[in-house]
Amino acid sequence: MKILILASYSDSLLNFRGDLISDLIGSGYEVIACAPNMSEDVEKGLLMYGATPRDIKLDRAGLNPVGDMSYFLSLCYVIKDVRPDLVLTYTVKPNIWGAFASKLFGVVSMSMITGLGYAFLSEGNGKQKLVGWVVKKLYRAATSCNSLVVFQNQDDFEDFCSVGALSEPKKARFVSGSGVNTARFPMSNLPNEAVFLLIARLLKSKGIIEYSLASELVRAEFPDARFILVGFQDKGQDGITQKDLDSLEKRGLEYIGELKDVRPAIADASVYVLPSYREGTPRSVLEAMSMGRPIITSDAPGCRETTIPGVNGFLVPVKEVSSLAEKMKLLAGDKLMREKYGVASRRLVEEKFSVEKVNRSIIGYVGELLNID
């Protein structure tokens, strides 16, 4: 049977879904992976897994009726050409337009909600509220076309239902994030120094501004502490501009850009920080946990699932710089605590967030839809 996977960012097919693609193929499925702007490296990687790469045009950022309709028509062409038995999607535009195109051709579809993101944040300007209203309406129509909708945490499911984006809660299923390959992200020794790391798309909703402000407070007490930022600039509605980035660097953040392989950056860090406003289940946190890093993250949907306060790290209120700085200082000044929490992070990943367990659940849902035992 054929499974068509739709993504909005081609690198994610290897970085976040490579193990899933491999496991689906190992379970006997034929996989066609479709995303925009596929590089030669991504195509080669997919072919090595045994999947068929398929490029498609998509503008990931913002609402553009002409561009979105073009994407929908392109999806219709792909589905008509491939004739899949199941369309499996993740991220907003593939979830919405993939559901509509699948329904048009009578193909079963399953959306994976990897986080509610910018459109579901309660605060914002008029433009954000308009975008949020449109996305919620589109999601309601799209999920009515889906056979199953997979969530990464209970908060997202409840918020999704409360705003009317899912009218049939019985379609919901759950997984513990996207899963992390614990062999690919092995436990590594912590450096002696206090080195903080944040890996994320450069969006304000990832808490990057708060991270920078907190770093200034920490540096006043621990002048040798370092604060690293990794990630690519995003043209999304709350993207951090080059001017913003220049200001953050002047304040002391060490921005090292986007990395194809984040493992060396995690290995060089002694604490991982993600003060995001909300997530699905943050993959970067799981990767840092797998490599034995203590975590400081937000007491927010998705983030709070990864961290047990006082066991493998700390939870801090969203947007509270002083609280974030306080917890960063605690870990900056206590190497034994960092080591203890790092060991607990690794253990928690192995127990709950391993990619094998997550993929087993997803493949089980695929079998449920295709009536395969």
Protein backbone atom coordinates (compact mmCIF):
# COMPACT_ATOMS: atom_id res chain seq x y z
CA MET A 1 0.00 0.00 0.00
CA LYS A 2 1.13 3.54 -0.77
CA ILE A 3 1.46 6.31 1.79
CA LEU A 4 1.92 9.91 0.65
CA ILE A 5 3.58 12.09 3.30
CA LEU A 6 3.15 15.85 2.96
CA ALA A 7 5.49 18.29 4.71
CA SER A 8 6.01 22.06 4.52
CA TYR A 9 9.77 21.96 5.06
CA SER A 10 11.76 19.38 3.13
CA ASP A 11 14.65 19.01 5.61
CA SER A 12 12.15 17.88 8.25
CA LEU A 13 11.46 14.73 6.24
CA LEU A 14 14.94 13.52 7.16
CA ASN A 15 15.60 15.35 10.43
CA PHE A 16 12.22 14.75 12.08
CA ARG A 17 10.52 11.97 10.08
CA GLY A 18 13.38 9.92 8.67
CA ASP A 19 12.92 7.16 11.24
CA LEU A 20 9.17 7.11 10.63
CA ILE A 21 9.69 6.81 6.87
CA SER A 22 12.19 4.00 7.44
CA ASP A 23 9.84 2.18 9.81
CA LEU A 24 6.87 2.53 7.45
CA ILE A 25 8.92 1.06 4.61
CA GLY A 26 10.12 -1.68 6.95
CA SER A 27 6.48 -2.46 7.69
CA GLY A 28 5.82 -3.05 4.00
CA TYR A 29 4.45 0.31 2.87
CA GLU A 30 5.56 2.23 -0.19
CA VAL A 31 6.30 5.83 0.83
CA ILE A 32 6.20 8.94 -1.35
CA ALA A 33 7.52 12.02 0.49
CA CYS A 34 6.38 15.40 -0.83
CA ALA A 35 7.68 18.84 0.22
CA PRO A 36 8.77 22.14 -1.33
CA ASN A 37 12.31 23.11 -2.36
CA MET A 38 13.90 19.69 -1.98
CA SER A 39 17.67 19.85 -2.05
CA GLU A 40 19.77 17.18 -3.66
CA ASP A 41 20.84 16.02 -0.19
CA VAL A 42 17.22 15.53 0.92
CA GLU A 43 16.35 13.64 -2.25
CA LYS A 44 19.38 11.38 -1.83
CA GLY A 45 18.52 10.79 1.82
CA LEU A 46 14.93 9.82 1.01
CA LEU A 47 16.08 7.49 -1.74
CA MET A 48 18.49 5.85 0.70
CA TYR A 49 15.56 5.14 3.01
CA GLY A 50 13.71 3.63 0.05
CA ALA A 51 11.18 6.46 -0.30
CA THR A 52 10.25 8.35 -3.47
CA PRO A 53 10.91 12.13 -3.23
CA ARG A 54 8.43 14.53 -4.79
CA ASP A 55 8.95 18.29 -4.98
CA ILE A 56 6.06 20.75 -4.82
CA LYS A 57 5.75 24.52 -4.66
CA LEU A 58 4.59 26.00 -1.35
CA ASP A 59 4.89 29.35 0.43
CA ARG A 60 5.00 28.31 4.09
CA ALA A 61 4.54 31.77 5.60
CA GLY A 62 1.31 33.73 5.90
CA LEU A 63 -2.03 33.51 4.13
CA ASN A 64 -1.89 33.98 0.40
CA PRO A 65 -5.12 32.84 -1.29
CA VAL A 66 -3.52 32.61 -4.73
CA GLY A 67 -0.46 30.74 -3.46
CA ASP A 68 -2.53 28.43 -1.25
CA MET A 69 -4.90 27.61 -4.09
CA SER A 70 -1.92 26.85 -6.32
CA TYR A 71 -0.59 24.49 -3.63
CA PHE A 72 -3.99 22.79 -3.35
CA LEU A 73 -4.18 22.24 -7.10
CA SER A 74 -0.64 20.88 -7.12
CA LEU A 75 -1.60 18.45 -4.34
CA CYS A 76 -4.58 17.34 -6.38
CA TYR A 77 -2.26 16.58 -9.29
CA VAL A 78 0.13 14.63 -7.05
CA ILE A 79 -2.67 12.58 -5.45
CA LYS A 80 -4.23 11.83 -8.84
CA ASP A 81 -0.82 10.76 -10.17
CA VAL A 82 0.38 8.76 -7.15
CA ARG A 83 -2.99 7.22 -6.17
CA PRO A 84 -2.03 6.69 -2.51
CA ASP A 85 -4.00 4.57 -0.06
CA LEU A 86 -3.35 7.07 2.72
CA VAL A 87 -2.21 10.70 2.91
CA LEU A 88 -0.25 11.49 6.09
CA THR A 89 0.39 15.18 6.80
CA TYR A 90 2.02 17.46 9.37
CA THR A 91 2.26 21.25 9.86
CA VAL A 92 -0.52 23.69 9.06
CA LYS A 93 -0.72 24.03 5.27
CA PRO A 94 -0.14 20.35 4.42
CA ASN A 95 -2.68 19.42 7.13
CA ILE A 96 -5.36 21.74 5.76
CA TRP A 97 -4.91 21.54 2.00
CA GLY A 98 -3.83 17.91 2.09
CA ALA A 99 -7.10 17.00 3.83
CA PHE A 100 -9.15 18.85 1.23
CA ALA A 101 -7.30 17.31 -1.72
CA SER A 102 -7.52 13.82 -0.22
CA LYS A 103 -11.26 14.15 0.34
CA LEU A 104 -11.75 15.28 -3.27
CA PHE A 105 -10.19 12.05 -4.53
CA GLY A 106 -11.72 9.77 -1.90
CA VAL A 107 -8.39 9.03 -0.20
CA VAL A 108 -8.10 8.39 3.55
CA SER A 109 -6.07 11.07 5.38
CA MET A 110 -4.50 11.52 8.80
CA SER A 111 -3.19 14.86 10.10
CA MET A 112 -0.52 15.18 12.77
CA ILE A 113 -0.78 18.32 14.90
CA THR A 114 2.80 19.05 15.91
CA GLY A 115 1.91 22.28 17.72
CA LEU A 116 -0.72 25.01 17.45
CA GLY A 117 1.75 27.83 16.97
CA TYR A 118 1.29 31.48 16.13
CA ALA A 119 -2.29 31.28 14.88
CA PHE A 120 -3.57 29.88 18.19
CA LEU A 121 -1.84 32.27 20.59
CA SER A 122 -4.43 34.27 22.54
CA GLU A 123 -2.48 37.53 22.40
CA GLY A 124 -1.54 39.51 19.32
CA ASN A 125 -2.43 42.32 16.99
CA GLY A 126 -5.36 42.53 14.61
CA LYS A 127 -3.51 40.75 11.83
CA GLN A 128 -2.58 37.84 14.07
CA LYS A 129 -6.17 37.53 15.29
CA LEU A 130 -7.45 37.53 11.70
CA VAL A 131 -4.93 34.86 10.70
CA GLY A 132 -5.90 32.82 13.75
CA TRP A 133 -9.61 33.07 12.96
CA VAL A 134 -9.08 31.95 9.35
CA VAL A 135 -6.77 29.07 10.33
CA LYS A 136 -9.24 27.78 12.92
CA LYS A 137 -12.10 27.84 10.40
CA LEU A 138 -9.97 26.07 7.79
CA TYR A 139 -8.85 23.49 10.33
CA ARG A 140 -12.46 22.74 11.29
CA ALA A 141 -13.29 22.05 7.65
CA ALA A 142 -10.08 20.10 7.10
CA THR A 143 -10.39 17.85 10.14
CA SER A 144 -13.93 16.99 9.06
CA CYS A 145 -12.22 15.47 5.99
CA ASN A 146 -9.62 13.56 8.05
CA SER A 147 -10.20 10.07 9.37
CA LEU A 148 -7.83 10.61 12.32
CA VAL A 149 -6.10 13.63 13.88
CA VAL A 150 -2.98 12.92 15.94
CA PHE A 151 -1.99 15.25 18.80
CA GLN A 152 1.24 15.45 20.77
CA ASN A 153 -0.29 16.62 24.04
CA GLN A 154 -3.62 16.91 25.82
CA ASP A 155 -3.50 20.74 25.98
CA ASP A 156 -3.39 21.05 22.18
CA PHE A 157 -6.30 18.65 21.82
CA GLU A 158 -8.43 20.53 24.34
CA ASP A 159 -7.59 23.95 22.87
CA PHE A 160 -8.20 22.67 19.36
CA CYS A 161 -11.66 21.46 20.37
CA SER A 162 -12.49 24.55 22.45
CA VAL A 163 -12.06 26.89 19.44
CA GLY A 164 -14.05 24.60 17.17
CA ALA A 165 -11.12 23.41 15.05
CA LEU A 166 -12.07 19.76 15.65
CA SER A 167 -15.79 19.05 15.65
CA GLU A 168 -15.39 15.28 16.11
CA PRO A 169 -13.18 14.60 19.16
CA LYS A 170 -13.51 10.84 18.62
CA LYS A 171 -11.06 11.22 15.72
CA ALA A 172 -8.25 12.24 18.09
CA ARG A 173 -5.26 10.02 18.80
CA PHE A 174 -2.11 10.79 20.80
CA VAL A 175 1.66 10.30 20.59
CA SER A 176 4.54 11.53 22.77
CA GLY A 177 6.00 14.02 20.31
CA SER A 178 7.81 13.12 17.11
CA GLY A 179 10.15 10.83 19.00
CA VAL A 180 13.92 10.99 19.30
CA ASN A 181 16.47 8.47 18.08
CA THR A 182 18.40 7.80 21.28
CA ALA A 183 21.19 6.04 19.37
CA ARG A 184 21.69 9.03 17.09
CA PHE A 185 21.60 11.39 20.10
CA PRO A 186 23.75 9.50 22.63
CA MET A 187 24.52 10.51 26.19
CA SER A 188 27.60 12.75 26.29
CA ASN A 189 29.68 14.27 29.08
CA LEU A 190 28.77 17.73 30.26
CA PRO A 191 31.36 20.50 29.91
CA ASN A 192 32.57 22.02 33.17
CA GLU A 193 31.55 25.53 32.14
CA ALA A 194 28.05 27.04 32.23
CA VAL A 195 27.07 27.05 28.55
CA PHE A 196 23.40 27.65 27.72
CA LEU A 197 21.88 26.67 24.38
CA LEU A 198 18.62 27.43 22.57
CA ILE A 199 17.82 25.82 19.19
CA ALA A 200 14.75 27.13 17.38
CA ARG A 201 13.42 28.89 14.34
CA LEU A 202 14.01 32.58 14.95
CA LEU A 203 10.49 33.44 16.09
CA LYS A 204 9.52 35.66 18.99
CA SER A 205 7.07 32.99 20.15
CA LYS A 206 10.04 30.67 20.79
CA GLY A 207 11.03 32.97 23.68
CA ILE A 208 14.27 34.14 22.10
CA ILE A 209 13.89 37.73 23.33
CA GLU A 210 13.27 36.46 26.88
CA TYR A 211 16.33 34.20 26.59
CA SER A 212 18.47 37.19 25.63
CA LEU A 213 17.17 39.40 28.45
CA ALA A 214 17.65 36.61 31.00
CA SER A 215 21.19 36.02 29.78
CA GLU A 216 22.09 39.61 30.68
CA LEU A 217 20.87 39.05 34.24
CA VAL A 218 22.78 35.79 34.53
CA ARG A 219 25.98 37.26 33.10
CA ALA A 220 25.98 39.94 35.81
CA GLU A 221 26.52 37.15 38.37
CA PHE A 222 28.34 34.62 36.17
CA PRO A 223 30.42 36.68 33.74
CA ASP A 224 32.04 33.61 32.15
CA ALA A 225 28.72 31.98 31.24
CA ARG A 226 27.98 31.63 27.52
CA PHE A 227 24.63 31.83 25.73
CA ILE A 228 24.32 30.13 22.34
CA LEU A 229 21.50 30.51 19.80
CA VAL A 230 21.06 28.14 16.85
CA GLY A 231 18.37 28.30 14.17
CA PHE A 232 17.30 29.73 10.86
CA GLN A 233 15.55 33.02 10.23
CA ASP A 234 11.86 32.57 9.54
CA LYS A 235 9.63 34.92 7.58
CA GLY A 236 6.62 33.97 9.68
CA GLN A 237 4.32 36.54 11.21
CA ASP A 238 6.40 36.79 14.40
CA GLY A 239 9.81 36.27 12.83
CA ILE A 240 12.86 37.96 14.34
CA THR A 241 14.27 40.47 11.88
CA GLN A 242 17.94 40.95 11.06
CA LYS A 243 17.84 44.18 13.06
CA ASP A 244 16.46 42.26 16.06
CA LEU A 245 19.15 39.62 15.64
CA ASP A 246 21.92 42.22 15.50
CA SER A 247 20.62 43.67 18.76
CA LEU A 248 20.55 40.24 20.42
CA GLU A 249 24.15 39.60 19.43
CA LYS A 250 25.23 42.97 20.82
CA ARG A 251 23.64 41.95 24.12
CA GLY A 252 25.87 38.89 24.24
CA LEU A 253 24.06 36.03 22.49
CA GLU A 254 26.35 33.93 20.31
CA TYR A 255 24.33 33.26 17.18
CA ILE A 256 25.86 30.49 15.08
CA GLY A 257 23.15 30.19 12.45
CA GLU A 258 21.38 27.09 11.20
CA LEU A 259 23.07 23.72 11.69
CA LYS A 260 22.40 20.61 9.63
CA ASP A 261 23.62 18.58 12.60
CA VAL A 262 22.86 20.01 16.04
CA ARG A 263 24.62 17.29 18.03
CA PRO A 264 27.97 19.11 18.33
CA ALA A 265 26.18 22.21 19.65
CA ILE A 266 24.31 20.13 22.24
CA ALA A 267 27.52 18.34 23.23
CA ASP A 268 29.21 21.71 23.84
CA ALA A 269 26.33 22.93 26.03
CA SER A 270 25.72 22.21 29.70
CA VAL A 271 22.08 23.44 29.89
CA TYR A 272 19.33 23.50 27.26
CA VAL A 273 16.80 26.36 27.37
CA LEU A 274 13.52 26.76 25.46
CA PRO A 275 11.24 29.53 26.83
CA SER A 276 8.65 28.98 24.07
CA TYR A 277 5.09 30.26 24.41
CA ARG A 278 3.74 26.82 23.40
CA GLU A 279 4.77 23.74 21.41
CA GLY A 280 3.51 20.36 20.31
CA THR A 281 6.30 18.45 21.99
CA PRO A 282 9.56 20.31 21.25
CA ARG A 283 11.93 18.05 19.32
CA SER A 284 15.00 20.12 20.24
CA VAL A 285 14.29 19.60 23.95
CA LEU A 286 14.00 15.83 23.46
CA GLU A 287 17.28 15.72 21.54
CA ALA A 288 19.03 17.67 24.30
CA MET A 289 17.49 15.37 26.92
CA SER A 290 18.65 12.31 24.99
CA MET A 291 22.23 13.66 25.16
CA GLY A 292 21.90 14.16 28.91
CA ARG A 293 21.24 17.88 29.25
CA PRO A 294 19.24 19.52 32.04
CA ILE A 295 16.27 21.48 30.72
CA ILE A 296 14.76 24.88 31.45
CA THR A 297 11.54 25.38 29.52
CA SER A 298 8.14 27.06 29.79
CA ASP A 299 5.23 25.87 31.85
CA ALA A 300 3.26 25.91 28.61
CA PRO A 301 1.45 23.34 26.45
CA GLY A 302 3.87 20.82 24.99
CA CYS A 303 6.88 22.16 26.86
CA ARG A 304 5.67 21.09 30.30
CA GLU A 305 5.38 17.46 29.16
CA THR A 306 9.16 17.21 28.75
CA THR A 307 10.32 18.41 32.15
CA ILE A 308 9.73 17.28 35.72
CA PRO A 309 10.68 20.21 37.99
CA GLY A 310 13.44 19.29 40.37
CA VAL A 311 14.13 16.03 38.50
CA ASN A 312 15.51 16.86 35.06
CA GLY A 313 15.18 20.63 35.07
CA PHE A 314 12.81 23.53 35.69
CA LEU A 315 9.58 24.97 34.32
CA VAL A 316 9.18 28.76 34.23
CA PRO A 317 6.13 30.93 33.52
CA VAL A 318 5.80 32.10 29.92
CA LYS A 319 7.47 35.47 29.25
CA GLU A 320 8.75 35.86 32.85
CA VAL A 321 12.37 36.89 32.35
CA SER A 322 13.22 37.12 36.05
CA SER A 323 12.05 33.58 36.74
CA LEU A 324 13.95 32.29 33.71
CA ALA A 325 17.12 34.06 34.85
CA GLU A 326 16.73 32.71 38.40
CA LYS A 327 16.63 29.09 37.17
CA MET A 328 19.51 29.69 34.78
CA LYS A 329 21.58 31.03 37.70
CA LEU A 330 20.80 27.93 39.79
CA LEU A 331 22.18 25.65 37.10
CA ALA A 332 25.05 27.97 36.21
CA GLY A 333 26.33 27.73 39.77
CA ASP A 334 25.85 24.01 40.43
CA LYS A 335 27.70 21.50 38.24
CA LEU A 336 26.51 18.54 40.32
CA MET A 337 22.89 19.59 39.79
CA ARG A 338 23.50 19.85 36.05
CA GLU A 339 24.91 16.33 36.00
CA LYS A 340 22.10 14.87 38.11
CA TYR A 341 19.37 16.49 36.00
CA GLY A 342 21.11 15.47 32.77
CA VAL A 343 21.07 11.79 33.75
CA ALA A 344 17.37 12.09 34.60
CA SER A 345 16.68 13.70 31.19
CA ARG A 346 18.19 10.75 29.38
CA ARG A 347 16.22 8.27 31.48
CA LEU A 348 12.95 10.13 30.81
CA VAL A 349 13.54 10.09 27.04
CA GLU A 350 14.20 6.36 27.07
CA GLU A 351 11.03 5.71 29.08
CA LYS A 352 8.60 7.94 27.19
CA PHE A 353 9.91 9.73 24.11
CA SER A 354 11.97 7.23 22.11
CA VAL A 355 11.27 7.25 18.36
CA GLU A 356 10.60 3.52 18.43
CA LYS A 357 7.65 3.97 20.79
CA VAL A 358 6.25 6.97 18.93
CA ASN A 359 6.54 5.35 15.50
CA ARG A 360 4.94 2.18 16.80
CA SER A 361 1.89 4.24 17.77
CA ILE A 362 1.75 6.10 14.42
CA ILE A 363 2.09 2.90 12.39
CA GLY A 364 -0.64 1.39 14.56
CA TYR A 365 -2.95 4.28 13.63
CA VAL A 366 -2.06 3.80 9.94
CA GLY A 367 -2.99 0.14 10.26
CA GLU A 368 -6.23 1.12 11.98
CA LEU A 369 -7.22 3.29 9.01
CA LEU A 370 -6.18 0.74 6.38
CA ASN A 371 -7.69 -2.17 8.28
CA ILE A 372 -4.33 -3.89 8.77
CA ASP A 373 -3.68 -5.91 11.92
